[in-house]
Amino acid sequence: MDDLKQEILCFAQDRGADIIGFASPATWDETNEVPQPFRPRSIWKATNTVIVMGIAMLLPIVETTPSIVHSEMYRTCNRELDSLAFNLARYLNRRHYASIFFPRDGFGDVKILVENPMAAFSHVIAAKYAGLGTIGLSHNLLTPEFGPRVRFVSVFTSAELEPDKMLDKELCIKCLACADCCPVNAILPNDSTLIADYDVQSCVQKHVELNEKKTYPCGICIKVCPIGADRKLYKSRGFAPKYRKEAEILAADPEHPDYSAWTHARRYGSW
């Protein structure tokens, strides 16, 4: 099966996956973090391996949020992920390993989340179990390569593949930037756990508002996180003060030159 795993890695990388990991469905049972109906074998009992693939969100575009530019990148990333997972499942089926995929979001409209703020399967948990990262204060998965600026999709396959080891070290440094910059104060740190309490409804209502303006999703917690090698690539380290002061400075001076590239993107193509 090592050869098949290498084939899958090559297949996914050649078609645009930035990071890939493999998880055993037994991990869901061993950790007992996820209710039974949300586990891979409850969704599809033939699952022997969960393959998780991630595509990066480009940091300078994330920084423009909320904007149509960021919104279009989000949608493009989602389309690419679904296509990637669909084609990998078909490839494995042709190899006689029965496979399916679970789409990257799992909800038809953000308004649905007002009444039922859950998806049927968590790619964040799957990516954690596949060794791709650790869950941070903001409830996002942080990766060494991109911090939280990466989206995921999962393929369930009957092929029995060697799972990847989960990361031992937490990547979140609890700098509180995500909590401090959240426009609706939905991230509520506490002293007892690394992962913050989370006001789901405040977050969802913000996304409903942004969806009406055609600038969904918010992504500010994604934007401000200092974790990720992408910050070195884009020479974007030490930006925390700029992020933290953005709302205050722009409220006083919407034309402030330090933010002109971001505000330019926000002024066009959306309500």
Protein backbone atom coordinates (compact mmCIF):
# COMPACT_ATOMS: atom_id res chain seq x y z
CA MET A 1 0.00 0.00 0.00
CA ASP A 2 3.02 2.33 0.27
CA ASP A 3 3.06 2.50 -3.54
CA LEU A 4 -0.61 3.45 -3.64
CA LYS A 5 -0.07 6.16 -1.03
CA GLN A 6 2.73 7.61 -3.15
CA GLU A 7 0.51 7.47 -6.22
CA ILE A 8 -2.20 9.39 -4.36
CA LEU A 9 0.30 12.01 -3.23
CA CYS A 10 1.51 12.50 -6.81
CA PHE A 11 -2.05 12.56 -8.18
CA ALA A 12 -3.18 15.22 -5.70
CA GLN A 13 -0.06 17.37 -5.94
CA ASP A 14 -0.13 17.32 -9.73
CA ARG A 15 -3.72 18.57 -9.62
CA GLY A 16 -3.14 21.41 -7.19
CA ALA A 17 -3.18 20.13 -3.61
CA ASP A 18 -0.76 22.12 -1.45
CA ILE A 19 -0.82 19.75 1.52
CA ILE A 20 -2.09 16.18 1.92
CA GLY A 21 -2.52 13.90 4.92
CA PHE A 22 -3.90 10.46 5.72
CA ALA A 23 -5.96 9.55 8.79
CA SER A 24 -7.37 6.30 10.15
CA PRO A 25 -11.11 6.34 10.96
CA ALA A 26 -10.17 4.56 14.18
CA THR A 27 -8.69 7.85 15.42
CA TRP A 28 -12.18 9.34 15.69
CA ASP A 29 -13.14 6.49 18.01
CA GLU A 30 -9.92 6.60 20.02
CA THR A 31 -10.01 10.34 20.70
CA ASN A 32 -13.79 10.47 21.17
CA GLU A 33 -13.83 14.21 20.40
CA VAL A 34 -16.55 13.97 17.76
CA PRO A 35 -20.10 12.63 18.25
CA GLN A 36 -20.67 9.24 16.64
CA PRO A 37 -22.87 10.39 13.71
CA PHE A 38 -20.12 12.79 12.53
CA ARG A 39 -17.41 10.11 12.27
CA PRO A 40 -16.24 8.76 8.88
CA ARG A 41 -17.56 5.22 9.32
CA SER A 42 -20.93 6.54 10.43
CA ILE A 43 -21.12 8.56 7.23
CA TRP A 44 -19.80 5.73 5.03
CA LYS A 45 -19.13 2.40 6.71
CA ALA A 46 -16.64 1.19 4.08
CA THR A 47 -14.12 3.88 5.07
CA ASN A 48 -10.66 2.54 5.91
CA THR A 49 -8.72 5.77 5.30
CA VAL A 50 -9.59 9.47 5.20
CA ILE A 51 -7.44 11.44 2.75
CA VAL A 52 -7.39 15.16 3.54
CA MET A 53 -6.20 17.70 0.99
CA GLY A 54 -5.64 21.41 1.47
CA ILE A 55 -5.34 24.37 -0.89
CA ALA A 56 -3.83 27.62 0.35
CA MET A 57 -5.60 30.98 0.53
CA LEU A 58 -3.19 33.68 -0.67
CA LEU A 59 -2.27 35.97 2.21
CA PRO A 60 -2.27 39.37 0.42
CA ILE A 61 -5.77 38.65 -0.89
CA VAL A 62 -6.98 37.48 2.52
CA GLU A 63 -5.75 40.82 3.88
CA THR A 64 -8.30 42.70 1.75
CA THR A 65 -11.25 41.06 3.51
CA PRO A 66 -14.12 41.86 3.42
CA SER A 67 -13.89 42.31 -0.35
CA ILE A 68 -15.10 40.74 -3.57
CA VAL A 69 -11.48 39.85 -4.31
CA HIS A 70 -11.29 37.74 -1.16
CA SER A 71 -14.77 36.33 -1.76
CA GLU A 72 -13.91 35.22 -5.30
CA MET A 73 -10.71 33.55 -4.12
CA TYR A 74 -12.69 31.68 -1.47
CA ARG A 75 -15.15 30.41 -4.07
CA THR A 76 -12.35 29.48 -6.46
CA CYS A 77 -10.59 27.54 -3.72
CA ASN A 78 -13.81 25.69 -2.91
CA ARG A 79 -14.40 24.73 -6.53
CA GLU A 80 -10.84 23.49 -6.91
CA LEU A 81 -11.11 21.42 -3.73
CA ASP A 82 -14.34 19.74 -4.74
CA SER A 83 -12.99 18.97 -8.20
CA LEU A 84 -9.77 17.61 -6.73
CA ALA A 85 -11.57 15.32 -4.28
CA PHE A 86 -14.16 14.16 -6.83
CA ASN A 87 -11.43 13.24 -9.29
CA LEU A 88 -9.32 11.47 -6.67
CA ALA A 89 -12.32 9.39 -5.60
CA ARG A 90 -12.94 8.45 -9.24
CA TYR A 91 -9.26 7.60 -9.71
CA LEU A 92 -9.34 5.28 -6.70
CA ASN A 93 -12.56 3.69 -7.91
CA ARG A 94 -10.86 2.90 -11.20
CA ARG A 95 -8.14 1.21 -9.15
CA HIS A 96 -10.89 -0.88 -7.50
CA TYR A 97 -10.75 0.92 -4.13
CA ALA A 98 -14.29 2.11 -3.46
CA SER A 99 -14.15 5.81 -2.58
CA ILE A 100 -16.35 8.88 -2.07
CA PHE A 101 -15.67 12.49 -1.14
CA PHE A 102 -17.26 14.95 1.27
CA PRO A 103 -17.54 18.53 -0.12
CA ARG A 104 -15.45 21.27 1.47
CA ASP A 105 -18.27 23.19 3.26
CA GLY A 106 -21.23 20.87 3.51
CA PHE A 107 -23.92 23.57 3.68
CA GLY A 108 -25.90 25.16 0.85
CA ASP A 109 -26.17 28.72 2.17
CA VAL A 110 -24.76 30.54 5.17
CA LYS A 111 -28.32 31.40 6.30
CA ILE A 112 -28.88 27.70 7.00
CA LEU A 113 -26.24 27.94 9.74
CA VAL A 114 -28.41 30.38 11.70
CA GLU A 115 -30.75 27.53 12.63
CA ASN A 116 -28.29 24.63 12.41
CA PRO A 117 -24.68 25.85 12.77
CA MET A 118 -23.07 22.48 12.01
CA ALA A 119 -21.77 20.59 9.01
CA ALA A 120 -22.18 16.83 8.73
CA PHE A 121 -18.40 16.33 8.71
CA SER A 122 -15.50 18.40 10.04
CA HIS A 123 -12.53 18.74 7.69
CA VAL A 124 -10.72 20.64 10.45
CA ILE A 125 -10.80 17.61 12.73
CA ALA A 126 -9.91 15.33 9.81
CA ALA A 127 -6.91 17.49 8.93
CA LYS A 128 -5.77 17.45 12.54
CA TYR A 129 -5.99 13.64 12.66
CA ALA A 130 -4.15 13.47 9.31
CA GLY A 131 -1.17 15.32 10.79
CA LEU A 132 -1.62 18.55 8.86
CA GLY A 133 -1.88 20.93 11.81
CA THR A 134 -3.32 21.74 15.21
CA ILE A 135 -6.48 23.60 16.21
CA GLY A 136 -5.84 27.10 17.49
CA LEU A 137 -7.60 29.62 19.71
CA SER A 138 -9.90 30.63 16.84
CA HIS A 139 -11.14 27.05 16.21
CA ASN A 140 -9.32 27.10 12.86
CA LEU A 141 -6.73 24.48 11.93
CA LEU A 142 -3.27 26.04 11.93
CA THR A 143 -0.70 24.53 9.57
CA PRO A 144 3.08 25.05 9.50
CA GLU A 145 2.90 26.09 5.85
CA PHE A 146 -0.03 28.52 5.80
CA GLY A 147 -1.25 29.00 9.35
CA PRO A 148 -5.07 28.95 9.06
CA ARG A 149 -5.02 30.30 5.48
CA VAL A 150 -5.85 26.95 3.90
CA ARG A 151 -9.09 25.14 3.09
CA PHE A 152 -9.69 21.39 3.17
CA VAL A 153 -11.63 18.60 1.54
CA SER A 154 -11.73 14.90 2.42
CA VAL A 155 -11.91 11.63 0.50
CA PHE A 156 -13.16 8.48 2.23
CA THR A 157 -11.67 5.33 0.73
CA SER A 158 -11.81 1.60 1.34
CA ALA A 159 -8.05 1.43 0.70
CA GLU A 160 -6.12 0.72 3.90
CA LEU A 161 -3.29 3.26 3.89
CA GLU A 162 -0.70 4.05 6.54
CA PRO A 163 -1.99 7.03 8.57
CA ASP A 164 0.22 10.05 9.13
CA LYS A 165 1.28 10.98 12.64
CA MET A 166 -0.55 13.81 14.32
CA LEU A 167 1.57 16.86 15.22
CA ASP A 168 2.86 16.74 18.79
CA LYS A 169 3.42 20.46 19.27
CA GLU A 170 0.61 23.00 19.35
CA LEU A 171 1.16 25.68 16.69
CA CYS A 172 -1.07 28.31 18.29
CA ILE A 173 0.92 30.73 20.46
CA LYS A 174 -2.24 32.29 21.95
CA CYS A 175 -1.24 35.79 20.88
CA LEU A 176 -4.96 36.73 21.00
CA ALA A 177 -4.81 38.59 17.65
CA CYS A 178 -7.80 36.63 16.32
CA ALA A 179 -9.85 37.43 19.43
CA ASP A 180 -8.80 41.08 19.58
CA CYS A 181 -9.52 41.73 15.88
CA CYS A 182 -12.78 39.78 15.57
CA PRO A 183 -15.39 42.38 14.49
CA VAL A 184 -18.16 40.71 16.53
CA ASN A 185 -16.12 39.47 19.51
CA ALA A 186 -17.05 35.87 18.75
CA ILE A 187 -13.74 34.40 19.98
CA LEU A 188 -13.76 34.32 23.78
CA PRO A 189 -10.45 33.19 25.33
CA ASN A 190 -10.44 31.40 28.64
CA ASP A 191 -7.62 30.39 30.94
CA SER A 192 -8.40 26.68 31.09
CA THR A 193 -8.05 25.72 27.42
CA LEU A 194 -6.03 26.74 24.38
CA ILE A 195 -9.12 26.77 22.17
CA ALA A 196 -11.38 29.71 22.98
CA ASP A 197 -15.08 29.63 23.69
CA TYR A 198 -16.94 30.55 20.53
CA ASP A 199 -20.07 32.64 19.99
CA VAL A 200 -21.33 30.77 16.93
CA GLN A 201 -24.40 32.93 16.36
CA SER A 202 -22.48 36.21 16.36
CA CYS A 203 -20.07 34.78 13.80
CA VAL A 204 -22.86 33.36 11.63
CA GLN A 205 -24.87 36.59 11.70
CA LYS A 206 -21.78 38.51 10.56
CA HIS A 207 -21.42 36.12 7.64
CA VAL A 208 -25.09 36.50 6.73
CA GLU A 209 -24.54 40.28 6.59
CA LEU A 210 -21.41 39.88 4.45
CA ASN A 211 -23.19 37.43 2.16
CA GLU A 212 -25.83 40.07 1.44
CA LYS A 213 -23.04 42.50 0.55
CA LYS A 214 -21.32 39.88 -1.67
CA THR A 215 -18.20 39.93 0.50
CA TYR A 216 -18.66 36.59 2.31
CA PRO A 217 -16.73 35.21 4.21
CA CYS A 218 -15.21 37.37 6.95
CA GLY A 219 -11.85 35.65 7.46
CA ILE A 220 -10.33 38.26 9.77
CA CYS A 221 -9.20 35.58 12.24
CA ILE A 222 -7.52 33.86 9.26
CA LYS A 223 -5.89 37.10 8.15
CA VAL A 224 -4.35 38.18 11.45
CA CYS A 225 -2.88 34.85 12.60
CA PRO A 226 0.93 35.11 12.72
CA ILE A 227 1.50 31.37 12.16
CA GLY A 228 2.60 30.05 8.76
CA ALA A 229 5.60 30.01 6.44
CA ASP A 230 3.54 31.98 3.91
CA ARG A 231 4.31 35.09 5.96
CA LYS A 232 7.98 34.69 5.13
CA LEU A 233 7.17 34.22 1.45
CA TYR A 234 5.11 37.42 1.36
CA LYS A 235 7.47 39.32 3.72
CA SER A 236 4.49 39.85 6.01
CA ARG A 237 5.89 39.36 9.47
CA GLY A 238 5.37 41.82 12.31
CA PHE A 239 2.02 42.99 10.96
CA ALA A 240 0.15 42.54 14.24
CA PRO A 241 0.11 46.26 15.16
CA LYS A 242 -1.24 47.15 11.72
CA TYR A 243 -3.99 44.56 12.01
CA ARG A 244 -4.94 45.55 15.54
CA LYS A 245 -5.17 49.26 14.70
CA GLU A 246 -6.92 48.87 11.35
CA ALA A 247 -10.52 49.40 12.43
CA GLU A 248 -9.68 52.38 14.65
CA ILE A 249 -7.45 54.11 12.09
CA LEU A 250 -9.85 53.62 9.17
CA ALA A 251 -12.77 54.86 11.25
CA ALA A 252 -10.85 58.11 11.76
CA ASP A 253 -9.31 58.29 8.30
CA PRO A 254 -10.79 56.03 5.57
CA GLU A 255 -8.09 57.24 3.17
CA HIS A 256 -5.15 56.36 5.40
CA PRO A 257 -2.26 55.40 3.08
CA ASP A 258 -1.13 52.41 5.16
CA TYR A 259 -4.35 50.59 4.22
CA SER A 260 -4.96 51.97 0.73
CA ALA A 261 -4.41 48.68 -1.14
CA TRP A 262 -6.94 46.90 1.08
CA THR A 263 -9.57 49.66 1.04
CA HIS A 264 -9.26 49.96 -2.74
CA ALA A 265 -10.25 46.29 -3.14
CA ARG A 266 -13.21 46.79 -0.79
CA ARG A 267 -14.70 49.73 -2.70
CA TYR A 268 -15.44 47.99 -5.97
CA GLY A 269 -17.44 45.01 -7.17
CA SER A 270 -19.63 44.56 -4.06
CA TRP A 271 -22.38 46.44 -2.25
